[in-house]
Structure formats: structure tokens, C-alpha cells
Amino acid sequence: MEEKEENLIKKVCKDLNLTYKKLADEIGYTEGNLKNSVFKNQISKPLERAIELYLETQKLKKEIAKNKELKQVLKTLINE
């Protein structure tokens, strides 16, 4: 386990407006696991990686949504 200066769990929950429970559900951990990590100010490598992958997934979902929107706009322009 590695000690972090800024707690990643707190930061992600604050930035994404998530509760510990919601984040835990999204990454396959329990709320208790997250709270314990916050309390101890330690995060395991697997938990850190799960959060990183969750953030990457959210970013990619936003990009896909933008691409779908662009695709629809282009279809509209072509059909006019």
C-alpha cells in the first residue's frame, strides 16, 4: 500500500460529485473499503488502478457521445 499526499478517493468523489458508495459500486469495491482507505490515507495499487480505469472510461464515454453528436450533425448536413 502506498500513502498519497492528496487522497485520490476524496478528489474523485468531489470532482465527479459522487458518494463513496456510488464510486465503490462503479469500481467493484465496497463503500467500507473506500472509507477505510480514506481514513488511513492509504490506497492499494489495485484500488488506485480501478479508479484510474473508471476515470478513463468516463472520459471515453464523453468522447463517444461527442462523436455521435458530430455524426448526427454531419448526417443532417449531408441530407440537406
C-alpha atoms as a PDB file:
ATOM      1  CA  MET A   1       0.000   0.000   0.000  1.00  0.00           C
ATOM      2  CA  GLU A   2       1.152   3.464  -0.814  1.00  0.00           C
ATOM      3  CA  GLU A   3       0.424   6.665   1.091  1.00  0.00           C
ATOM      4  CA  LYS A   4      -0.846   9.528  -1.055  1.00  0.00           C
ATOM      5  CA  GLU A   5      -0.444  13.238  -0.364  1.00  0.00           C
ATOM      6  CA  GLU A   6      -3.839  14.121  -1.795  1.00  0.00           C
ATOM      7  CA  ASN A   7      -6.392  11.400  -1.274  1.00  0.00           C
ATOM      8  CA  LEU A   8      -7.420  10.142  -4.700  1.00  0.00           C
ATOM      9  CA  ILE A   9     -10.770   8.835  -3.483  1.00  0.00           C
ATOM     10  CA  LYS A  10     -11.785  12.170  -1.948  1.00  0.00           C
ATOM     11  CA  LYS A  11     -10.632  14.046  -5.039  1.00  0.00           C
ATOM     12  CA  VAL A  12     -12.514  11.819  -7.488  1.00  0.00           C
ATOM     13  CA  CYS A  13     -15.695  11.856  -5.415  1.00  0.00           C
ATOM     14  CA  LYS A  14     -15.541  15.642  -5.116  1.00  0.00           C
ATOM     15  CA  ASP A  15     -14.679  16.252  -8.793  1.00  0.00           C
ATOM     16  CA  LEU A  16     -17.386  13.906 -10.095  1.00  0.00           C
ATOM     17  CA  ASN A  17     -19.925  14.694  -7.380  1.00  0.00           C
ATOM     18  CA  LEU A  18     -20.067  11.039  -6.296  1.00  0.00           C
ATOM     19  CA  THR A  19     -20.639   9.477  -2.915  1.00  0.00           C
ATOM     20  CA  TYR A  20     -18.186   6.873  -1.679  1.00  0.00           C
ATOM     21  CA  LYS A  21     -20.941   4.295  -2.169  1.00  0.00           C
ATOM     22  CA  LYS A  22     -21.564   5.274  -5.789  1.00  0.00           C
ATOM     23  CA  LEU A  23     -17.862   5.245  -6.638  1.00  0.00           C
ATOM     24  CA  ALA A  24     -17.415   1.925  -4.841  1.00  0.00           C
ATOM     25  CA  ASP A  25     -20.310   0.402  -6.807  1.00  0.00           C
ATOM     26  CA  GLU A  26     -18.851   1.668 -10.062  1.00  0.00           C
ATOM     27  CA  ILE A  27     -15.396   0.168  -9.473  1.00  0.00           C
ATOM     28  CA  GLY A  28     -16.386  -3.071  -7.749  1.00  0.00           C
ATOM     29  CA  TYR A  29     -15.362  -2.219  -4.206  1.00  0.00           C
ATOM     30  CA  THR A  30     -17.409  -1.741  -1.064  1.00  0.00           C
ATOM     31  CA  GLU A  31     -18.136   1.603   0.484  1.00  0.00           C
ATOM     32  CA  GLY A  32     -16.318   0.344   3.594  1.00  0.00           C
ATOM     33  CA  ASN A  33     -13.164  -0.332   1.572  1.00  0.00           C
ATOM     34  CA  LEU A  34     -13.150   3.233   0.285  1.00  0.00           C
ATOM     35  CA  LYS A  35     -13.904   4.800   3.648  1.00  0.00           C
ATOM     36  CA  ASN A  36     -11.146   2.735   5.240  1.00  0.00           C
ATOM     37  CA  SER A  37      -8.668   3.869   2.587  1.00  0.00           C
ATOM     38  CA  VAL A  38      -9.677   7.496   3.110  1.00  0.00           C
ATOM     39  CA  PHE A  39      -9.436   7.187   6.882  1.00  0.00           C
ATOM     40  CA  LYS A  40      -5.972   5.588   6.716  1.00  0.00           C
ATOM     41  CA  ASN A  41      -4.960   7.895   3.855  1.00  0.00           C
ATOM     42  CA  GLN A  42      -3.640   4.840   2.026  1.00  0.00           C
ATOM     43  CA  ILE A  43      -4.699   3.356  -1.258  1.00  0.00           C
ATOM     44  CA  SER A  44      -3.738  -0.037  -2.606  1.00  0.00           C
ATOM     45  CA  LYS A  45      -2.348  -0.352  -6.124  1.00  0.00           C
ATOM     46  CA  PRO A  46      -5.406  -2.356  -7.319  1.00  0.00           C
ATOM     47  CA  LEU A  47      -7.790   0.268  -5.936  1.00  0.00           C
ATOM     48  CA  GLU A  48      -5.769   3.078  -7.465  1.00  0.00           C
ATOM     49  CA  ARG A  49      -5.796   1.278 -10.829  1.00  0.00           C
ATOM     50  CA  ALA A  50      -9.553   0.659 -10.600  1.00  0.00           C
ATOM     51  CA  ILE A  51     -10.136   4.374 -10.070  1.00  0.00           C
ATOM     52  CA  GLU A  52      -7.808   5.289 -12.936  1.00  0.00           C
ATOM     53  CA  LEU A  53      -9.654   2.904 -15.262  1.00  0.00           C
ATOM     54  CA  TYR A  54     -13.002   4.286 -14.118  1.00  0.00           C
ATOM     55  CA  LEU A  55     -11.852   7.842 -14.914  1.00  0.00           C
ATOM     56  CA  GLU A  56     -10.566   6.752 -18.314  1.00  0.00           C
ATOM     57  CA  THR A  57     -13.855   5.005 -19.061  1.00  0.00           C
ATOM     58  CA  GLN A  58     -15.828   8.127 -18.153  1.00  0.00           C
ATOM     59  CA  LYS A  59     -13.614  10.231 -20.415  1.00  0.00           C
ATOM     60  CA  LEU A  60     -14.060   7.811 -23.314  1.00  0.00           C
ATOM     61  CA  LYS A  61     -17.847   7.741 -22.826  1.00  0.00           C
ATOM     62  CA  LYS A  62     -17.904  11.543 -23.143  1.00  0.00           C
ATOM     63  CA  GLU A  63     -15.810  11.365 -26.320  1.00  0.00           C
ATOM     64  CA  ILE A  64     -18.148   8.748 -27.800  1.00  0.00           C
ATOM     65  CA  ALA A  65     -21.151  10.946 -27.023  1.00  0.00           C
ATOM     66  CA  LYS A  66     -19.479  13.909 -28.746  1.00  0.00           C
ATOM     67  CA  ASN A  67     -18.647  11.768 -31.768  1.00  0.00           C
ATOM     68  CA  LYS A  68     -22.235  10.537 -32.001  1.00  0.00           C
ATOM     69  CA  GLU A  69     -23.433  14.125 -31.877  1.00  0.00           C
ATOM     70  CA  LEU A  70     -20.983  15.118 -34.613  1.00  0.00           C
ATOM     71  CA  LYS A  71     -22.078  12.148 -36.705  1.00  0.00           C
ATOM     72  CA  GLN A  72     -25.699  13.244 -36.408  1.00  0.00           C
ATOM     73  CA  VAL A  73     -24.840  16.813 -37.403  1.00  0.00           C
ATOM     74  CA  LEU A  74     -22.913  15.576 -40.439  1.00  0.00           C
ATOM     75  CA  LYS A  75     -25.800  13.327 -41.473  1.00  0.00           C
ATOM     76  CA  THR A  76     -28.146  16.283 -41.224  1.00  0.00           C
ATOM     77  CA  LEU A  77     -25.853  18.473 -43.313  1.00  0.00           C
ATOM     78  CA  ILE A  78     -25.419  15.808 -45.976  1.00  0.00           C
ATOM     79  CA  ASN A  79     -29.161  15.248 -46.266  1.00  0.00           C
ATOM     80  CA  GLU A  80     -29.984  18.940 -46.659  1.00  0.00           C
END
